[in-house]
Amino acid sequence: MENLAEFIREHPWWQWLTRTPFSAKMTKYALSSVIAFMLSNVAFAFSYWLGLGTTACSVIAFVSAAVPNWIMNRRWAWQQTGRAPVKQIVAYAAVSAIVLVATSWATGLANHEVHVYNIPNHTGLRLLIVTGSFVLITVVLFFVKFAIYEFLIFPGRREARRALAGLDAQRGALAAEPQVEREPALSTSISA
């Protein structure tokens, strides 16, 4: 397993995808989201195939992906270790609850539409349409969640504080520097 990890770290694509802190974070977020996406899609399709309602399928899919996604996002993508603050856990849970409601609503709407068009139960087309609605809402929410995680839930407090401290120090140094009026530079020209 270590050989695979080493191979990936040294691969030119990985180095290109993780060349800046932001691109590394986005790449790791995307990979953890793909893993969670696969887990949730398998769970959703299997639950729907068993005959459960779309809300139950969405809840099962959500739970099967939420915990691994939390761990991968917090520890791997945003590089946060230690015990998570309660505020962070509550905010993550709130975003997750909104995602759950949105996916339940979208899949319920799709399921209603397949009833309207009389697509029979337990057919591949019906499964494809309803699962497709789940996939579509998940992809849209991927970008929304990244922005929320980046700016609200997992903000790099230390980096932000350092940047602000650097700006304050720079402003203080500029304010302390005596303002000297400089004479305009004389242009020299060669005249014949």
C-alpha atoms as a PDB file:
ATOM      1  CA  MET A   1       0.000   0.000   0.000  1.00  0.00           C
ATOM      2  CA  GLU A   2       2.893   2.356   0.769  1.00  0.00           C
ATOM      3  CA  ASN A   3       4.343   1.709  -2.680  1.00  0.00           C
ATOM      4  CA  LEU A   4       1.056   2.801  -4.254  1.00  0.00           C
ATOM      5  CA  ALA A   5       0.943   5.958  -2.117  1.00  0.00           C
ATOM      6  CA  GLU A   6       4.550   6.754  -3.032  1.00  0.00           C
ATOM      7  CA  PHE A   7       3.816   6.158  -6.719  1.00  0.00           C
ATOM      8  CA  ILE A   8       0.841   8.510  -6.590  1.00  0.00           C
ATOM      9  CA  ARG A   9       2.767  11.246  -4.732  1.00  0.00           C
ATOM     10  CA  GLU A  10       5.579  11.131  -7.279  1.00  0.00           C
ATOM     11  CA  HIS A  11       3.338  10.930 -10.343  1.00  0.00           C
ATOM     12  CA  PRO A  12       3.494  14.079 -12.530  1.00  0.00           C
ATOM     13  CA  TRP A  13      -0.301  14.399 -12.594  1.00  0.00           C
ATOM     14  CA  TRP A  14      -0.527  14.385  -8.799  1.00  0.00           C
ATOM     15  CA  GLN A  15       2.268  16.942  -8.560  1.00  0.00           C
ATOM     16  CA  TRP A  16       0.501  19.127 -11.112  1.00  0.00           C
ATOM     17  CA  LEU A  17      -2.878  18.783  -9.364  1.00  0.00           C
ATOM     18  CA  THR A  18      -1.377  19.684  -5.979  1.00  0.00           C
ATOM     19  CA  ARG A  19       1.072  22.411  -7.054  1.00  0.00           C
ATOM     20  CA  THR A  20      -0.560  25.144  -4.950  1.00  0.00           C
ATOM     21  CA  PRO A  21      -2.244  24.918  -1.545  1.00  0.00           C
ATOM     22  CA  PHE A  22      -5.627  25.738  -3.090  1.00  0.00           C
ATOM     23  CA  SER A  23      -5.313  23.205  -5.912  1.00  0.00           C
ATOM     24  CA  ALA A  24      -4.136  20.542  -3.442  1.00  0.00           C
ATOM     25  CA  LYS A  25      -7.162  21.229  -1.256  1.00  0.00           C
ATOM     26  CA  MET A  26      -9.563  21.159  -4.207  1.00  0.00           C
ATOM     27  CA  THR A  27      -8.010  17.940  -5.549  1.00  0.00           C
ATOM     28  CA  LYS A  28      -8.242  16.185  -2.191  1.00  0.00           C
ATOM     29  CA  TYR A  29     -11.794  17.483  -1.662  1.00  0.00           C
ATOM     30  CA  ALA A  30     -12.755  16.218  -5.112  1.00  0.00           C
ATOM     31  CA  LEU A  31     -11.247  12.790  -4.493  1.00  0.00           C
ATOM     32  CA  SER A  32     -12.932  12.424  -1.114  1.00  0.00           C
ATOM     33  CA  SER A  33     -16.174  13.581  -2.704  1.00  0.00           C
ATOM     34  CA  VAL A  34     -15.808  10.990  -5.474  1.00  0.00           C
ATOM     35  CA  ILE A  35     -15.381   8.247  -2.867  1.00  0.00           C
ATOM     36  CA  ALA A  36     -18.405   9.510  -0.918  1.00  0.00           C
ATOM     37  CA  PHE A  37     -20.333   9.937  -4.182  1.00  0.00           C
ATOM     38  CA  MET A  38     -19.697   6.309  -5.149  1.00  0.00           C
ATOM     39  CA  LEU A  39     -20.680   5.056  -1.695  1.00  0.00           C
ATOM     40  CA  SER A  40     -23.880   7.090  -1.682  1.00  0.00           C
ATOM     41  CA  ASN A  41     -24.860   6.151  -5.239  1.00  0.00           C
ATOM     42  CA  VAL A  42     -24.430   2.445  -4.598  1.00  0.00           C
ATOM     43  CA  ALA A  43     -26.417   2.763  -1.366  1.00  0.00           C
ATOM     44  CA  PHE A  44     -29.160   4.833  -3.067  1.00  0.00           C
ATOM     45  CA  ALA A  45     -29.538   2.525  -6.079  1.00  0.00           C
ATOM     46  CA  PHE A  46     -29.505  -0.613  -3.920  1.00  0.00           C
ATOM     47  CA  SER A  47     -32.071   0.821  -1.485  1.00  0.00           C
ATOM     48  CA  TYR A  48     -34.312   1.943  -4.346  1.00  0.00           C
ATOM     49  CA  TRP A  49     -33.973  -1.484  -5.982  1.00  0.00           C
ATOM     50  CA  LEU A  50     -35.129  -3.023  -2.684  1.00  0.00           C
ATOM     51  CA  GLY A  51     -38.312  -0.970  -3.001  1.00  0.00           C
ATOM     52  CA  LEU A  52     -37.703   1.681  -0.357  1.00  0.00           C
ATOM     53  CA  GLY A  53     -39.080   5.188  -0.853  1.00  0.00           C
ATOM     54  CA  THR A  54     -36.861   7.918  -2.219  1.00  0.00           C
ATOM     55  CA  THR A  55     -36.620   9.707   1.138  1.00  0.00           C
ATOM     56  CA  ALA A  56     -35.428   6.536   2.869  1.00  0.00           C
ATOM     57  CA  CYS A  57     -33.000   5.905  -0.003  1.00  0.00           C
ATOM     58  CA  SER A  58     -31.619   9.432   0.289  1.00  0.00           C
ATOM     59  CA  VAL A  59     -31.160   9.063   4.047  1.00  0.00           C
ATOM     60  CA  ILE A  60     -29.385   5.719   3.657  1.00  0.00           C
ATOM     61  CA  ALA A  61     -27.181   7.108   0.889  1.00  0.00           C
ATOM     62  CA  PHE A  62     -26.415  10.191   2.956  1.00  0.00           C
ATOM     63  CA  VAL A  63     -25.431   8.249   6.075  1.00  0.00           C
ATOM     64  CA  SER A  64     -23.272   5.809   4.108  1.00  0.00           C
ATOM     65  CA  ALA A  65     -21.181   8.698   2.767  1.00  0.00           C
ATOM     66  CA  ALA A  66     -21.334  11.459   5.392  1.00  0.00           C
ATOM     67  CA  VAL A  67     -19.007  10.023   8.018  1.00  0.00           C
ATOM     68  CA  PRO A  68     -16.181   8.963   5.669  1.00  0.00           C
ATOM     69  CA  ASN A  69     -16.536  12.271   3.826  1.00  0.00           C
ATOM     70  CA  TRP A  70     -16.233  14.255   7.093  1.00  0.00           C
ATOM     71  CA  ILE A  71     -13.067  12.399   8.034  1.00  0.00           C
ATOM     72  CA  MET A  72     -11.462  12.721   4.598  1.00  0.00           C
ATOM     73  CA  ASN A  73     -12.361  16.397   4.209  1.00  0.00           C
ATOM     74  CA  ARG A  74     -11.277  17.502   7.652  1.00  0.00           C
ATOM     75  CA  ARG A  75      -8.078  15.509   7.975  1.00  0.00           C
ATOM     76  CA  TRP A  76      -6.898  15.118   4.421  1.00  0.00           C
ATOM     77  CA  ALA A  77      -8.209  18.044   2.354  1.00  0.00           C
ATOM     78  CA  TRP A  78      -8.166  20.772   5.014  1.00  0.00           C
ATOM     79  CA  GLN A  79      -5.309  19.226   7.044  1.00  0.00           C
ATOM     80  CA  GLN A  80      -7.011  19.695  10.405  1.00  0.00           C
ATOM     81  CA  THR A  81      -6.094  17.330  13.197  1.00  0.00           C
ATOM     82  CA  GLY A  82      -7.117  16.867  16.774  1.00  0.00           C
ATOM     83  CA  ARG A  83     -10.575  17.073  18.182  1.00  0.00           C
ATOM     84  CA  ALA A  84     -13.011  19.068  16.092  1.00  0.00           C
ATOM     85  CA  PRO A  85     -14.611  22.102  17.751  1.00  0.00           C
ATOM     86  CA  VAL A  86     -18.327  21.727  18.449  1.00  0.00           C
ATOM     87  CA  LYS A  87     -19.051  24.755  16.261  1.00  0.00           C
ATOM     88  CA  GLN A  88     -17.359  23.007  13.313  1.00  0.00           C
ATOM     89  CA  ILE A  89     -19.273  19.770  13.870  1.00  0.00           C
ATOM     90  CA  VAL A  90     -22.606  21.592  14.146  1.00  0.00           C
ATOM     91  CA  ALA A  91     -21.923  23.635  10.994  1.00  0.00           C
ATOM     92  CA  TYR A  92     -20.925  20.523   9.044  1.00  0.00           C
ATOM     93  CA  ALA A  93     -24.039  18.706  10.285  1.00  0.00           C
ATOM     94  CA  ALA A  94     -26.228  21.664   9.261  1.00  0.00           C
ATOM     95  CA  VAL A  95     -24.770  21.730   5.738  1.00  0.00           C
ATOM     96  CA  SER A  96     -25.189  17.966   5.542  1.00  0.00           C
ATOM     97  CA  ALA A  97     -28.825  18.233   6.666  1.00  0.00           C
ATOM     98  CA  ILE A  98     -29.507  20.817   3.947  1.00  0.00           C
ATOM     99  CA  VAL A  99     -27.878  18.509   1.395  1.00  0.00           C
ATOM    100  CA  LEU A 100     -30.033  15.641   2.652  1.00  0.00           C
ATOM    101  CA  VAL A 101     -33.217  17.708   2.310  1.00  0.00           C
ATOM    102  CA  ALA A 102     -32.212  18.856  -1.187  1.00  0.00           C
ATOM    103  CA  THR A 103     -31.442  15.335  -2.403  1.00  0.00           C
ATOM    104  CA  SER A 104     -34.624  13.964  -0.858  1.00  0.00           C
ATOM    105  CA  TRP A 105     -36.665  16.697  -2.534  1.00  0.00           C
ATOM    106  CA  ALA A 106     -35.010  16.216  -5.948  1.00  0.00           C
ATOM    107  CA  THR A 107     -35.336  12.434  -5.935  1.00  0.00           C
ATOM    108  CA  GLY A 108     -38.915  12.644  -4.668  1.00  0.00           C
ATOM    109  CA  LEU A 109     -39.755  15.014  -7.513  1.00  0.00           C
ATOM    110  CA  ALA A 110     -38.127  12.687 -10.051  1.00  0.00           C
ATOM    111  CA  ASN A 111     -39.972   9.703  -8.588  1.00  0.00           C
ATOM    112  CA  HIS A 112     -43.258  11.596  -8.844  1.00  0.00           C
ATOM    113  CA  GLU A 113     -42.548  12.411 -12.490  1.00  0.00           C
ATOM    114  CA  VAL A 114     -41.829   8.775 -13.390  1.00  0.00           C
ATOM    115  CA  HIS A 115     -45.230   7.898 -11.855  1.00  0.00           C
ATOM    116  CA  VAL A 116     -46.897  10.601 -13.954  1.00  0.00           C
ATOM    117  CA  TYR A 117     -45.360   9.143 -17.115  1.00  0.00           C
ATOM    118  CA  ASN A 118     -46.318   5.575 -16.026  1.00  0.00           C
ATOM    119  CA  ILE A 119     -42.809   4.141 -16.117  1.00  0.00           C
ATOM    120  CA  PRO A 120     -43.217   0.779 -14.342  1.00  0.00           C
ATOM    121  CA  ASN A 121     -41.482  -0.092 -11.068  1.00  0.00           C
ATOM    122  CA  HIS A 122     -38.306  -2.170 -11.092  1.00  0.00           C
ATOM    123  CA  THR A 123     -37.286  -1.233 -14.608  1.00  0.00           C
ATOM    124  CA  GLY A 124     -33.862  -0.004 -15.601  1.00  0.00           C
ATOM    125  CA  LEU A 125     -35.247   3.235 -17.037  1.00  0.00           C
ATOM    126  CA  ARG A 126     -37.003   4.208 -13.829  1.00  0.00           C
ATOM    127  CA  LEU A 127     -33.912   3.378 -11.769  1.00  0.00           C
ATOM    128  CA  LEU A 128     -31.785   5.401 -14.177  1.00  0.00           C
ATOM    129  CA  ILE A 129     -34.032   8.485 -14.054  1.00  0.00           C
ATOM    130  CA  VAL A 130     -34.440   8.609 -10.277  1.00  0.00           C
ATOM    131  CA  THR A 131     -30.783   7.801  -9.569  1.00  0.00           C
ATOM    132  CA  GLY A 132     -29.832  10.350 -12.243  1.00  0.00           C
ATOM    133  CA  SER A 133     -31.698  13.052 -10.321  1.00  0.00           C
ATOM    134  CA  PHE A 134     -29.703  12.066  -7.235  1.00  0.00           C
ATOM    135  CA  VAL A 135     -26.461  12.349  -9.221  1.00  0.00           C
ATOM    136  CA  LEU A 136     -27.400  15.745 -10.672  1.00  0.00           C
ATOM    137  CA  ILE A 137     -28.226  17.356  -7.327  1.00  0.00           C
ATOM    138  CA  THR A 138     -25.082  15.862  -5.799  1.00  0.00           C
ATOM    139  CA  VAL A 139     -22.878  17.364  -8.525  1.00  0.00           C
ATOM    140  CA  VAL A 140     -24.453  20.809  -8.149  1.00  0.00           C
ATOM    141  CA  LEU A 141     -24.049  20.721  -4.379  1.00  0.00           C
ATOM    142  CA  PHE A 142     -20.388  19.654  -4.739  1.00  0.00           C
ATOM    143  CA  PHE A 143     -19.332  23.216  -5.603  1.00  0.00           C
ATOM    144  CA  VAL A 144     -21.642  24.861  -3.093  1.00  0.00           C
ATOM    145  CA  LYS A 145     -20.303  22.664  -0.289  1.00  0.00           C
ATOM    146  CA  PHE A 146     -16.670  23.383  -1.203  1.00  0.00           C
ATOM    147  CA  ALA A 147     -17.239  27.110  -0.835  1.00  0.00           C
ATOM    148  CA  ILE A 148     -19.029  26.643   2.488  1.00  0.00           C
ATOM    149  CA  TYR A 149     -16.310  24.316   3.803  1.00  0.00           C
ATOM    150  CA  GLU A 150     -13.508  26.601   2.636  1.00  0.00           C
ATOM    151  CA  PHE A 151     -14.850  29.872   4.009  1.00  0.00           C
ATOM    152  CA  LEU A 152     -17.113  28.892   6.899  1.00  0.00           C
ATOM    153  CA  ILE A 153     -16.431  25.438   8.311  1.00  0.00           C
ATOM    154  CA  PHE A 154     -12.716  24.736   7.793  1.00  0.00           C
ATOM    155  CA  PRO A 155     -11.183  28.182   7.379  1.00  0.00           C
ATOM    156  CA  GLY A 156      -7.424  28.246   7.758  1.00  0.00           C
ATOM    157  CA  ARG A 157      -7.433  30.408  10.861  1.00  0.00           C
ATOM    158  CA  ARG A 158      -3.691  30.314  11.378  1.00  0.00           C
ATOM    159  CA  GLU A 159      -2.962  31.313   7.788  1.00  0.00           C
ATOM    160  CA  ALA A 160      -5.583  34.071   7.903  1.00  0.00           C
ATOM    161  CA  ARG A 161      -4.225  35.411  11.192  1.00  0.00           C
ATOM    162  CA  ARG A 162      -0.672  35.361   9.840  1.00  0.00           C
ATOM    163  CA  ALA A 163      -1.750  37.174   6.697  1.00  0.00           C
ATOM    164  CA  LEU A 164      -3.644  39.799   8.690  1.00  0.00           C
ATOM    165  CA  ALA A 165      -0.730  40.195  11.120  1.00  0.00           C
ATOM    166  CA  GLY A 166       1.607  40.660   8.164  1.00  0.00           C
ATOM    167  CA  LEU A 167      -0.665  43.320   6.667  1.00  0.00           C
ATOM    168  CA  ASP A 168      -0.942  45.129  10.009  1.00  0.00           C
ATOM    169  CA  ALA A 169       2.830  45.032  10.467  1.00  0.00           C
ATOM    170  CA  GLN A 170       3.338  46.306   6.943  1.00  0.00           C
ATOM    171  CA  ARG A 171       0.865  49.152   7.488  1.00  0.00           C
ATOM    172  CA  GLY A 172       2.514  50.014  10.792  1.00  0.00           C
ATOM    173  CA  ALA A 173       5.940  50.108   9.180  1.00  0.00           C
ATOM    174  CA  LEU A 174       4.652  52.358   6.419  1.00  0.00           C
ATOM    175  CA  ALA A 175       2.998  54.691   8.929  1.00  0.00           C
ATOM    176  CA  ALA A 176       6.177  54.901  11.022  1.00  0.00           C
ATOM    177  CA  GLU A 177       8.349  55.632   8.005  1.00  0.00           C
ATOM    178  CA  PRO A 178       8.950  59.363   7.641  1.00  0.00           C
ATOM    179  CA  GLN A 179       7.394  60.782   4.563  1.00  0.00           C
ATOM    180  CA  VAL A 180      10.062  62.573   2.609  1.00  0.00           C
ATOM    181  CA  GLU A 181       9.237  64.536  -0.437  1.00  0.00           C
ATOM    182  CA  ARG A 182      11.461  63.499  -3.205  1.00  0.00           C
ATOM    183  CA  GLU A 183      12.581  65.727  -5.988  1.00  0.00           C
ATOM    184  CA  PRO A 184      11.646  64.615  -9.451  1.00  0.00           C
ATOM    185  CA  ALA A 185      14.397  62.725 -11.164  1.00  0.00           C
ATOM    186  CA  LEU A 186      16.288  64.788 -13.642  1.00  0.00           C
ATOM    187  CA  SER A 187      16.371  63.405 -17.072  1.00  0.00           C
ATOM    188  CA  THR A 188      19.715  63.472 -18.706  1.00  0.00           C
ATOM    189  CA  SER A 189      19.936  63.885 -22.370  1.00  0.00           C
ATOM    190  CA  ILE A 190      22.860  64.251 -24.620  1.00  0.00           C
ATOM    191  CA  SER A 191      22.664  67.292 -26.770  1.00  0.00           C
ATOM    192  CA  ALA A 192      24.914  67.968 -29.675  1.00  0.00           C
END
